[in-house]
């Protein structure tokens, strides 16, 4: 775990919050903020823009869990959630909401650092996968658009697929644009004309 993190702890119980703070201080010189009130949580977390959010809830309901998880921005930063009891549905809801670590009966000072390490690592791994998935989807959409544009050119000019592709490439180079942009413009124009 990096030595200088900004960490928000969401905990209503003052003694438990102090126990968490003490456990975290042993692992580095972190900037730690404790939030005891759940009202306005999303706004406060967004304003502080922490590196990690740690949520401690004794017995969460599904609604409270989802609200806290979404307010803490699990898609923007690692979120570790500690609960005293849970069931399969709550665990599933937490993971689906993007919580990086969901620990049942696990709030012990000596376990805080390894659990936060795991949450941070998992968050970065999932973020990379999301980025790669988005890039793959974009590439697939671009490929579909290029194929449609080639089809339009093949039909309109009575040329082969290779010739249609060469025309698109030449147009892209002449315009200083990406091949996908030229293809999209052609598809959009053909759509207007039909």
Protein backbone atom coordinates (compact mmCIF):
# COMPACT_ATOMS: atom_id res chain seq x y z
CA UNK A 1 0.00 0.00 0.00
CA UNK A 2 1.38 3.46 -0.84
CA UNK A 3 2.63 5.32 2.23
CA UNK A 4 0.74 8.59 1.64
CA UNK A 5 -2.92 8.00 0.82
CA UNK A 6 -5.95 10.17 1.36
CA UNK A 7 -8.44 7.89 3.06
CA UNK A 8 -12.04 8.50 4.06
CA UNK A 9 -13.51 6.31 6.77
CA UNK A 10 -17.30 6.12 6.95
CA UNK A 11 -18.11 5.01 10.49
CA UNK A 12 -20.81 6.14 12.93
CA UNK A 13 -19.22 4.64 16.05
CA UNK A 14 -16.43 6.89 17.38
CA UNK A 15 -14.50 4.07 19.10
CA UNK A 16 -14.53 1.87 16.00
CA UNK A 17 -13.44 4.86 13.89
CA UNK A 18 -10.48 5.49 16.23
CA UNK A 19 -9.56 1.80 16.03
CA UNK A 20 -9.50 2.01 12.22
CA UNK A 21 -7.47 5.25 12.25
CA UNK A 22 -4.89 3.70 14.59
CA UNK A 23 -4.64 0.62 12.37
CA UNK A 24 -4.05 2.77 9.30
CA UNK A 25 -1.49 5.07 10.93
CA UNK A 26 0.82 2.10 11.41
CA UNK A 27 1.00 1.58 7.63
CA UNK A 28 2.01 5.08 6.58
CA UNK A 29 1.55 8.82 6.80
CA UNK A 30 -2.00 8.90 5.49
CA UNK A 31 -4.42 11.82 5.44
CA UNK A 32 -7.46 10.32 7.14
CA UNK A 33 -10.92 11.84 7.39
CA UNK A 34 -13.71 10.20 9.38
CA UNK A 35 -17.29 10.81 8.29
CA UNK A 36 -19.89 9.76 10.85
CA UNK A 37 -22.99 11.04 9.09
CA UNK A 38 -24.34 9.33 5.99
CA UNK A 39 -26.35 12.37 4.87
CA UNK A 40 -24.59 14.28 2.12
CA UNK A 41 -22.00 11.52 1.88
CA UNK A 42 -21.64 11.62 -1.91
CA UNK A 43 -21.06 15.38 -1.92
CA UNK A 44 -18.52 15.22 0.90
CA UNK A 45 -16.59 12.35 -0.66
CA UNK A 46 -16.55 14.09 -4.05
CA UNK A 47 -15.26 17.30 -2.42
CA UNK A 48 -12.43 15.47 -0.62
CA UNK A 49 -11.62 13.24 -3.63
CA UNK A 50 -9.88 10.52 -1.59
CA UNK A 51 -7.63 7.76 -2.88
CA UNK A 52 -9.55 5.11 -0.91
CA UNK A 53 -12.89 4.90 0.92
CA UNK A 54 -13.27 2.52 3.85
CA UNK A 55 -16.84 1.87 5.01
CA UNK A 56 -17.58 0.11 8.30
CA UNK A 57 -21.18 -0.98 8.87
CA UNK A 58 -22.33 -3.25 11.67
CA UNK A 59 -25.42 -4.70 9.99
CA UNK A 60 -26.17 -3.17 6.59
CA UNK A 61 -29.47 -3.36 4.77
CA UNK A 62 -29.33 -3.83 1.01
CA UNK A 63 -30.56 -0.24 0.43
CA UNK A 64 -28.04 1.28 2.85
CA UNK A 65 -25.24 -0.79 1.37
CA UNK A 66 -26.05 0.24 -2.22
CA UNK A 67 -26.43 3.90 -1.24
CA UNK A 68 -23.12 3.96 0.60
CA UNK A 69 -21.31 2.06 -2.12
CA UNK A 70 -22.61 4.34 -4.87
CA UNK A 71 -21.97 7.50 -2.81
CA UNK A 72 -18.36 6.47 -2.26
CA UNK A 73 -17.71 6.30 -6.02
CA UNK A 74 -16.51 2.69 -6.40
CA UNK A 75 -15.94 3.21 -10.12
CA UNK A 76 -13.66 6.17 -9.35
CA UNK A 77 -11.64 4.81 -6.43
CA UNK A 78 -11.12 1.66 -4.35
CA UNK A 79 -13.79 1.06 -1.75
CA UNK A 80 -13.36 -1.43 1.08
CA UNK A 81 -16.44 -2.34 3.09
CA UNK A 82 -16.37 -4.04 6.47
CA UNK A 83 -19.57 -5.56 7.85
CA UNK A 84 -20.29 -7.60 10.98
CA UNK A 85 -22.78 -9.93 9.30
CA UNK A 86 -23.86 -10.54 5.78
CA UNK A 87 -25.64 -12.89 3.46
CA UNK A 88 -25.16 -13.85 -0.16
CA UNK A 89 -27.54 -11.20 -1.49
CA UNK A 90 -25.75 -8.37 0.32
CA UNK A 91 -22.35 -9.61 -0.79
CA UNK A 92 -23.58 -9.79 -4.38
CA UNK A 93 -25.10 -6.30 -4.17
CA UNK A 94 -21.82 -4.87 -2.84
CA UNK A 95 -19.72 -6.51 -5.55
CA UNK A 96 -22.17 -5.46 -8.27
CA UNK A 97 -22.03 -1.88 -6.94
CA UNK A 98 -18.26 -1.97 -7.51
CA UNK A 99 -16.95 -2.43 -3.97
CA UNK A 100 -13.33 -3.60 -4.26
CA UNK A 101 -13.23 -5.50 -0.96
CA UNK A 102 -16.22 -6.75 1.05
CA UNK A 103 -15.07 -8.17 4.37
CA UNK A 104 -17.40 -9.92 6.79
CA UNK A 105 -16.40 -9.85 10.46
CA UNK A 106 -13.00 -8.61 9.45
CA UNK A 107 -12.35 -5.29 11.15
CA UNK A 108 -9.10 -6.03 12.92
CA UNK A 109 -6.25 -3.56 12.99
CA UNK A 110 -3.63 -6.02 11.81
CA UNK A 111 -5.76 -6.94 8.77
CA UNK A 112 -6.51 -3.40 7.57
CA UNK A 113 -3.35 -2.90 5.50
CA UNK A 114 -3.47 -6.21 3.60
CA UNK A 115 -7.19 -5.80 2.93
CA UNK A 116 -6.71 -2.25 1.63
CA UNK A 117 -3.77 -3.48 -0.48
CA UNK A 118 -6.05 -6.11 -2.01
CA UNK A 119 -8.84 -3.56 -2.57
CA UNK A 120 -6.47 -1.14 -4.31
CA UNK A 121 -4.98 -3.89 -6.49
CA UNK A 122 -8.41 -5.26 -7.42
CA UNK A 123 -9.70 -1.76 -8.22
CA UNK A 124 -6.79 -1.08 -10.60
CA UNK A 125 -7.20 -4.48 -12.24
CA UNK A 126 -10.94 -3.93 -12.83
CA UNK A 127 -10.28 -0.38 -14.07
CA UNK A 128 -7.79 -1.70 -16.64
CA UNK A 129 -10.31 -4.31 -17.75
CA UNK A 130 -13.02 -1.62 -18.11
CA UNK A 131 -10.66 0.53 -20.19
CA UNK A 132 -9.69 -2.41 -22.40
CA UNK A 133 -13.35 -3.39 -22.84
CA UNK A 134 -14.29 0.16 -23.84
CA UNK A 135 -11.43 0.28 -26.35
CA UNK A 136 -12.45 -3.10 -27.79
CA UNK A 137 -16.07 -1.96 -28.13
CA UNK A 138 -14.93 1.24 -29.89
CA UNK A 139 -12.73 -0.76 -32.26
CA UNK A 140 -15.59 -3.13 -33.04
CA UNK A 141 -17.96 -0.25 -33.75
CA UNK A 142 -15.34 1.40 -35.97
CA UNK A 143 -14.83 -1.90 -37.80
CA UNK A 144 -18.60 -2.20 -38.39
CA UNK A 145 -18.75 1.37 -39.69
CA UNK A 146 -15.80 0.78 -42.03
CA UNK A 147 -17.44 -2.40 -43.33
CA UNK A 148 -20.71 -0.51 -43.98
CA UNK A 149 -18.82 2.26 -45.78
CA UNK A 150 -16.99 -0.30 -47.92
CA UNK A 151 -20.35 -1.89 -48.79
CA UNK A 152 -21.77 1.48 -49.82
CA UNK A 153 -18.77 2.20 -52.05
CA UNK A 154 -18.81 -1.31 -53.55
CA UNK A 155 -22.49 -0.96 -54.46
CA UNK A 156 -22.30 2.64 -55.70
CA UNK A 157 -19.13 2.21 -57.79
CA UNK A 158 -19.26 -1.46 -58.64
CA UNK A 159 -15.80 -2.09 -57.17
CA UNK A 160 -14.20 -4.82 -55.06
CA UNK A 161 -13.85 -4.74 -51.28
CA UNK A 162 -10.11 -4.08 -51.55
CA UNK A 163 -10.71 -1.15 -53.91
CA UNK A 164 -13.37 0.28 -51.59
CA UNK A 165 -10.97 0.03 -48.65
CA UNK A 166 -8.21 1.71 -50.67
CA UNK A 167 -10.59 4.59 -51.51
CA UNK A 168 -11.48 5.05 -47.82
CA UNK A 169 -7.81 4.99 -46.83
CA UNK A 170 -6.88 7.53 -49.50
CA UNK A 171 -9.73 9.83 -48.45
CA UNK A 172 -8.62 9.57 -44.81
CA UNK A 173 -5.01 10.42 -45.69
CA UNK A 174 -6.06 13.31 -47.95
CA UNK A 175 -8.26 14.76 -45.19
CA UNK A 176 -5.83 14.05 -42.36
CA UNK A 177 -8.57 12.10 -40.61
CA UNK A 178 -8.91 8.64 -39.17
CA UNK A 179 -10.27 5.92 -41.41
CA UNK A 180 -13.19 5.37 -39.04
CA UNK A 181 -14.13 9.08 -39.17
CA UNK A 182 -14.21 9.08 -42.99
CA UNK A 183 -16.22 5.85 -42.98
CA UNK A 184 -18.70 7.28 -40.47
CA UNK A 185 -19.16 10.44 -42.56
CA UNK A 186 -19.82 8.32 -45.65
CA UNK A 187 -22.32 6.11 -43.83
CA UNK A 188 -24.11 9.17 -42.39
CA UNK A 189 -24.23 10.88 -45.80
CA UNK A 190 -25.53 7.72 -47.47
CA UNK A 191 -28.19 7.50 -44.78
CA UNK A 192 -29.35 11.04 -45.56
CA UNK A 193 -29.50 10.34 -49.30
CA UNK A 194 -31.53 7.15 -49.06
